[in-house]
Amino acid sequence: TGKVSTSSDDDIYQMIGRSYISRISQTNKYCDSRTDEIGTVIRGADWYEIVGSMQDYGYLNYGTI
């Protein structure tokens, strides 16, 4: 697993993730109905580490999420 490195706008990432989970759970009957209770926002660093990705480039150079 990678090391968690939050940015100053981590709260925005969390809000977007939780909003997406909430909406997709409501529209997709195959989603787990327990999404709110099991904490389904997972950081990519919990899976693997990527240094110098396109996400890094876009965020560092353009401030894009």
PDB file of N, CA and C in Angstrom:
ATOM      1  N   THR A   1       0.836  -1.194   0.000  1.00  0.00           N
ATOM      2  CA  THR A   1       0.000   0.000   0.000  1.00  0.00           C
ATOM      3  C   THR A   1       0.868   1.239   0.000  1.00  0.00           C
ATOM      4  N   GLY A   2       0.333   2.309  -0.543  1.00  0.00           N
ATOM      5  CA  GLY A   2       1.051   3.568  -0.598  1.00  0.00           C
ATOM      6  C   GLY A   2       0.860   4.386   0.657  1.00  0.00           C
ATOM      7  N   LYS A   3       1.542   5.499   0.698  1.00  0.00           N
ATOM      8  CA  LYS A   3       1.457   6.410   1.832  1.00  0.00           C
ATOM      9  C   LYS A   3       0.416   7.487   1.523  1.00  0.00           C
ATOM     10  N   VAL A   4      -0.480   7.762   2.451  1.00  0.00           N
ATOM     11  CA  VAL A   4      -1.500   8.783   2.245  1.00  0.00           C
ATOM     12  C   VAL A   4      -0.848  10.152   2.276  1.00  0.00           C
ATOM     13  N   SER A   5      -1.106  10.923   1.242  1.00  0.00           N
ATOM     14  CA  SER A   5      -0.586  12.278   1.143  1.00  0.00           C
ATOM     15  C   SER A   5      -1.742  13.174   0.724  1.00  0.00           C
ATOM     16  N   THR A   6      -2.353  13.840   1.683  1.00  0.00           N
ATOM     17  CA  THR A   6      -3.518  14.663   1.370  1.00  0.00           C
ATOM     18  C   THR A   6      -3.090  16.031   0.869  1.00  0.00           C
ATOM     19  N   SER A   7      -3.951  16.622   0.069  1.00  0.00           N
ATOM     20  CA  SER A   7      -3.720  17.969  -0.433  1.00  0.00           C
ATOM     21  C   SER A   7      -4.609  18.934   0.345  1.00  0.00           C
ATOM     22  N   SER A   8      -4.416  20.217   0.078  1.00  0.00           N
ATOM     23  CA  SER A   8      -5.204  21.221   0.799  1.00  0.00           C
ATOM     24  C   SER A   8      -6.688  21.140   0.444  1.00  0.00           C
ATOM     25  N   ASP A   9      -6.998  20.529  -0.691  1.00  0.00           N
ATOM     26  CA  ASP A   9      -8.398  20.398  -1.085  1.00  0.00           C
ATOM     27  C   ASP A   9      -8.912  18.965  -0.942  1.00  0.00           C
ATOM     28  N   ASP A  10      -8.346  18.237   0.005  1.00  0.00           N
ATOM     29  CA  ASP A  10      -8.775  16.861   0.261  1.00  0.00           C
ATOM     30  C   ASP A  10     -10.260  16.794   0.586  1.00  0.00           C
ATOM     31  N   ASP A  11     -10.772  17.807   1.278  1.00  0.00           N
ATOM     32  CA  ASP A  11     -12.198  17.820   1.614  1.00  0.00           C
ATOM     33  C   ASP A  11     -13.065  17.834   0.358  1.00  0.00           C
ATOM     34  N   ILE A  12     -12.587  18.473  -0.710  1.00  0.00           N
ATOM     35  CA  ILE A  12     -13.334  18.489  -1.972  1.00  0.00           C
ATOM     36  C   ILE A  12     -13.361  17.092  -2.582  1.00  0.00           C
ATOM     37  N   TYR A  13     -12.204  16.418  -2.581  1.00  0.00           N
ATOM     38  CA  TYR A  13     -12.149  15.046  -3.093  1.00  0.00           C
ATOM     39  C   TYR A  13     -13.102  14.138  -2.324  1.00  0.00           C
ATOM     40  N   GLN A  14     -13.112  14.271  -1.010  1.00  0.00           N
ATOM     41  CA  GLN A  14     -13.986  13.450  -0.174  1.00  0.00           C
ATOM     42  C   GLN A  14     -15.461  13.734  -0.483  1.00  0.00           C
ATOM     43  N   MET A  15     -15.803  15.018  -0.635  1.00  0.00           N
ATOM     44  CA  MET A  15     -17.178  15.403  -0.929  1.00  0.00           C
ATOM     45  C   MET A  15     -17.616  14.850  -2.287  1.00  0.00           C
ATOM     46  N   ILE A  16     -16.763  14.952  -3.294  1.00  0.00           N
ATOM     47  CA  ILE A  16     -17.090  14.430  -4.622  1.00  0.00           C
ATOM     48  C   ILE A  16     -17.280  12.915  -4.562  1.00  0.00           C
ATOM     49  N   GLY A  17     -16.385  12.236  -3.874  1.00  0.00           N
ATOM     50  CA  GLY A  17     -16.487  10.782  -3.759  1.00  0.00           C
ATOM     51  C   GLY A  17     -17.762  10.343  -3.068  1.00  0.00           C
ATOM     52  N   ARG A  18     -18.080  10.984  -1.961  1.00  0.00           N
ATOM     53  CA  ARG A  18     -19.292  10.612  -1.218  1.00  0.00           C
ATOM     54  C   ARG A  18     -20.560  10.955  -2.005  1.00  0.00           C
ATOM     55  N   SER A  19     -20.535  12.073  -2.723  1.00  0.00           N
ATOM     56  CA  SER A  19     -21.680  12.454  -3.551  1.00  0.00           C
ATOM     57  C   SER A  19     -21.897  11.432  -4.667  1.00  0.00           C
ATOM     58  N   TYR A  20     -20.813  11.015  -5.311  1.00  0.00           N
ATOM     59  CA  TYR A  20     -20.901  10.007  -6.373  1.00  0.00           C
ATOM     60  C   TYR A  20     -21.463   8.694  -5.826  1.00  0.00           C
ATOM     61  N   ILE A  21     -20.927   8.253  -4.696  1.00  0.00           N
ATOM     62  CA  ILE A  21     -21.386   6.997  -4.093  1.00  0.00           C
ATOM     63  C   ILE A  21     -22.873   7.073  -3.758  1.00  0.00           C
ATOM     64  N   SER A  22     -23.291   8.187  -3.197  1.00  0.00           N
ATOM     65  CA  SER A  22     -24.693   8.354  -2.826  1.00  0.00           C
ATOM     66  C   SER A  22     -25.596   8.286  -4.053  1.00  0.00           C
ATOM     67  N   ARG A  23     -25.205   8.994  -5.109  1.00  0.00           N
ATOM     68  CA  ARG A  23     -26.043   9.030  -6.315  1.00  0.00           C
ATOM     69  C   ARG A  23     -26.063   7.693  -7.049  1.00  0.00           C
ATOM     70  N   ILE A  24     -24.922   7.058  -7.191  1.00  0.00           N
ATOM     71  CA  ILE A  24     -24.879   5.792  -7.927  1.00  0.00           C
ATOM     72  C   ILE A  24     -25.612   4.699  -7.150  1.00  0.00           C
ATOM     73  N   SER A  25     -25.563   4.768  -5.828  1.00  0.00           N
ATOM     74  CA  SER A  25     -26.278   3.788  -4.999  1.00  0.00           C
ATOM     75  C   SER A  25     -27.783   3.919  -5.179  1.00  0.00           C
ATOM     76  N   GLN A  26     -28.247   5.151  -5.364  1.00  0.00           N
ATOM     77  CA  GLN A  26     -29.678   5.394  -5.524  1.00  0.00           C
ATOM     78  C   GLN A  26     -30.175   4.954  -6.897  1.00  0.00           C
ATOM     79  N   THR A  27     -29.318   5.001  -7.911  1.00  0.00           N
ATOM     80  CA  THR A  27     -29.753   4.706  -9.272  1.00  0.00           C
ATOM     81  C   THR A  27     -29.416   3.302  -9.743  1.00  0.00           C
ATOM     82  N   ASN A  28     -28.531   2.617  -9.053  1.00  0.00           N
ATOM     83  CA  ASN A  28     -28.103   1.294  -9.490  1.00  0.00           C
ATOM     84  C   ASN A  28     -28.504   0.251  -8.456  1.00  0.00           C
ATOM     85  N   LYS A  29     -29.481  -0.559  -8.798  1.00  0.00           N
ATOM     86  CA  LYS A  29     -29.992  -1.546  -7.839  1.00  0.00           C
ATOM     87  C   LYS A  29     -28.962  -2.604  -7.470  1.00  0.00           C
ATOM     88  N   TYR A  30     -27.885  -2.718  -8.237  1.00  0.00           N
ATOM     89  CA  TYR A  30     -26.864  -3.723  -7.953  1.00  0.00           C
ATOM     90  C   TYR A  30     -25.820  -3.238  -6.943  1.00  0.00           C
ATOM     91  N   CYS A  31     -25.841  -1.939  -6.618  1.00  0.00           N
ATOM     92  CA  CYS A  31     -24.896  -1.418  -5.625  1.00  0.00           C
ATOM     93  C   CYS A  31     -25.268  -1.917  -4.235  1.00  0.00           C
ATOM     94  N   ASP A  32     -24.268  -2.057  -3.423  1.00  0.00           N
ATOM     95  CA  ASP A  32     -24.476  -2.484  -2.042  1.00  0.00           C
ATOM     96  C   ASP A  32     -25.313  -1.436  -1.318  1.00  0.00           C
ATOM     97  N   SER A  33     -26.400  -1.837  -0.719  1.00  0.00           N
ATOM     98  CA  SER A  33     -27.287  -0.897  -0.034  1.00  0.00           C
ATOM     99  C   SER A  33     -26.694  -0.379   1.268  1.00  0.00           C
ATOM    100  N   ARG A  34     -25.556  -0.922   1.689  1.00  0.00           N
ATOM    101  CA  ARG A  34     -24.936  -0.505   2.948  1.00  0.00           C
ATOM    102  C   ARG A  34     -23.799   0.488   2.724  1.00  0.00           C
ATOM    103  N   THR A  35     -23.747   1.157   1.579  1.00  0.00           N
ATOM    104  CA  THR A  35     -22.591   1.993   1.266  1.00  0.00           C
ATOM    105  C   THR A  35     -22.311   3.055   2.320  1.00  0.00           C
ATOM    106  N   ASP A  36     -23.338   3.656   2.897  1.00  0.00           N
ATOM    107  CA  ASP A  36     -23.104   4.701   3.892  1.00  0.00           C
ATOM    108  C   ASP A  36     -22.504   4.154   5.182  1.00  0.00           C
ATOM    109  N   GLU A  37     -22.858   2.937   5.545  1.00  0.00           N
ATOM    110  CA  GLU A  37     -22.382   2.407   6.822  1.00  0.00           C
ATOM    111  C   GLU A  37     -21.008   1.761   6.734  1.00  0.00           C
ATOM    112  N   ILE A  38     -20.538   1.412   5.548  1.00  0.00           N
ATOM    113  CA  ILE A  38     -19.245   0.730   5.462  1.00  0.00           C
ATOM    114  C   ILE A  38     -18.113   1.648   5.024  1.00  0.00           C
ATOM    115  N   GLY A  39     -18.393   2.932   4.797  1.00  0.00           N
ATOM    116  CA  GLY A  39     -17.343   3.879   4.456  1.00  0.00           C
ATOM    117  C   GLY A  39     -16.652   3.537   3.152  1.00  0.00           C
ATOM    118  N   THR A  40     -17.268   3.864   2.055  1.00  0.00           N
ATOM    119  CA  THR A  40     -16.812   3.365   0.764  1.00  0.00           C
ATOM    120  C   THR A  40     -15.854   4.271   0.010  1.00  0.00           C
ATOM    121  N   VAL A  41     -15.464   5.411   0.554  1.00  0.00           N
ATOM    122  CA  VAL A  41     -14.466   6.241  -0.116  1.00  0.00           C
ATOM    123  C   VAL A  41     -13.094   5.680   0.235  1.00  0.00           C
ATOM    124  N   ILE A  42     -12.381   5.233  -0.790  1.00  0.00           N
ATOM    125  CA  ILE A  42     -11.065   4.624  -0.592  1.00  0.00           C
ATOM    126  C   ILE A  42     -10.037   5.430  -1.367  1.00  0.00           C
ATOM    127  N   ARG A  43      -8.957   5.769  -0.720  1.00  0.00           N
ATOM    128  CA  ARG A  43      -7.875   6.500  -1.385  1.00  0.00           C
ATOM    129  C   ARG A  43      -7.090   5.550  -2.282  1.00  0.00           C
ATOM    130  N   GLY A  44      -6.691   6.054  -3.430  1.00  0.00           N
ATOM    131  CA  GLY A  44      -5.889   5.250  -4.341  1.00  0.00           C
ATOM    132  C   GLY A  44      -4.613   4.745  -3.696  1.00  0.00           C
ATOM    133  N   ALA A  45      -4.043   5.525  -2.794  1.00  0.00           N
ATOM    134  CA  ALA A  45      -2.800   5.123  -2.116  1.00  0.00           C
ATOM    135  C   ALA A  45      -2.994   3.879  -1.260  1.00  0.00           C
ATOM    136  N   ASP A  46      -4.252   3.575  -0.930  1.00  0.00           N
ATOM    137  CA  ASP A  46      -4.520   2.348  -0.182  1.00  0.00           C
ATOM    138  C   ASP A  46      -4.349   1.111  -1.059  1.00  0.00           C
ATOM    139  N   TRP A  47      -4.358   1.289  -2.380  1.00  0.00           N
ATOM    140  CA  TRP A  47      -4.200   0.169  -3.312  1.00  0.00           C
ATOM    141  C   TRP A  47      -2.779   0.068  -3.833  1.00  0.00           C
ATOM    142  N   TYR A  48      -2.249   1.172  -4.361  1.00  0.00           N
ATOM    143  CA  TYR A  48      -0.904   1.164  -4.936  1.00  0.00           C
ATOM    144  C   TYR A  48      -0.428   2.604  -5.120  1.00  0.00           C
ATOM    145  N   GLU A  49       0.847   2.766  -5.309  1.00  0.00           N
ATOM    146  CA  GLU A  49       1.446   4.088  -5.475  1.00  0.00           C
ATOM    147  C   GLU A  49       1.836   4.303  -6.931  1.00  0.00           C
ATOM    148  N   ILE A  50       1.496   5.477  -7.458  1.00  0.00           N
ATOM    149  CA  ILE A  50       1.916   5.877  -8.795  1.00  0.00           C
ATOM    150  C   ILE A  50       2.521   7.268  -8.660  1.00  0.00           C
ATOM    151  N   VAL A  51       3.746   7.420  -9.093  1.00  0.00           N
ATOM    152  CA  VAL A  51       4.412   8.719  -9.049  1.00  0.00           C
ATOM    153  C   VAL A  51       4.516   9.247 -10.471  1.00  0.00           C
ATOM    154  N   GLY A  52       4.149  10.501 -10.671  1.00  0.00           N
ATOM    155  CA  GLY A  52       4.266  11.113 -11.986  1.00  0.00           C
ATOM    156  C   GLY A  52       3.165  10.726 -12.951  1.00  0.00           C
ATOM    157  N   SER A  53       1.991  10.424 -12.440  1.00  0.00           N
ATOM    158  CA  SER A  53       0.873  10.033 -13.301  1.00  0.00           C
ATOM    159  C   SER A  53       0.269  11.264 -13.980  1.00  0.00           C
ATOM    160  N   MET A  54      -0.633  11.030 -14.912  1.00  0.00           N
ATOM    161  CA  MET A  54      -1.339  12.137 -15.552  1.00  0.00           C
ATOM    162  C   MET A  54      -2.171  12.905 -14.528  1.00  0.00           C
ATOM    163  N   GLN A  55      -2.676  12.209 -13.506  1.00  0.00           N
ATOM    164  CA  GLN A  55      -3.415  12.897 -12.449  1.00  0.00           C
ATOM    165  C   GLN A  55      -2.495  13.878 -11.725  1.00  0.00           C
ATOM    166  N   ASP A  56      -1.270  13.439 -11.425  1.00  0.00           N
ATOM    167  CA  ASP A  56      -0.301  14.330 -10.785  1.00  0.00           C
ATOM    168  C   ASP A  56      -0.012  15.530 -11.677  1.00  0.00           C
ATOM    169  N   TYR A  57       0.209  15.280 -12.949  1.00  0.00           N
ATOM    170  CA  TYR A  57       0.540  16.343 -13.903  1.00  0.00           C
ATOM    171  C   TYR A  57      -0.582  17.371 -13.979  1.00  0.00           C
ATOM    172  N   GLY A  58      -1.808  16.904 -14.152  1.00  0.00           N
ATOM    173  CA  GLY A  58      -2.943  17.813 -14.245  1.00  0.00           C
ATOM    174  C   GLY A  58      -3.142  18.616 -12.974  1.00  0.00           C
ATOM    175  N   TYR A  59      -2.999  17.963 -11.833  1.00  0.00           N
ATOM    176  CA  TYR A  59      -3.197  18.649 -10.553  1.00  0.00           C
ATOM    177  C   TYR A  59      -2.097  19.677 -10.304  1.00  0.00           C
ATOM    178  N   LEU A  60      -0.854  19.268 -10.508  1.00  0.00           N
ATOM    179  CA  LEU A  60       0.271  20.157 -10.218  1.00  0.00           C
ATOM    180  C   LEU A  60       0.377  21.319 -11.197  1.00  0.00           C
ATOM    181  N   ASN A  61       0.072  21.086 -12.471  1.00  0.00           N
ATOM    182  CA  ASN A  61       0.239  22.126 -13.481  1.00  0.00           C
ATOM    183  C   ASN A  61      -1.001  22.966 -13.731  1.00  0.00           C
ATOM    184  N   TYR A  62      -2.178  22.392 -13.536  1.00  0.00           N
ATOM    185  CA  TYR A  62      -3.407  23.103 -13.869  1.00  0.00           C
ATOM    186  C   TYR A  62      -4.396  23.204 -12.716  1.00  0.00           C
ATOM    187  N   GLY A  63      -4.101  22.554 -11.601  1.00  0.00           N
ATOM    188  CA  GLY A  63      -5.000  22.602 -10.457  1.00  0.00           C
ATOM    189  C   GLY A  63      -6.301  21.852 -10.689  1.00  0.00           C
ATOM    190  N   THR A  64      -6.277  20.881 -11.616  1.00  0.00           N
ATOM    191  CA  THR A  64      -7.491  20.130 -11.920  1.00  0.00           C
ATOM    192  C   THR A  64      -7.661  18.955 -10.976  1.00  0.00           C
ATOM    193  N   ILE A  65      -8.891  18.653 -10.689  1.00  0.00           N
ATOM    194  CA  ILE A  65      -9.198  17.513  -9.830  1.00  0.00           C
ATOM    195  C   ILE A  65      -9.485  16.319 -10.702  1.00  0.00           C
TER     196      ILE A  65
END
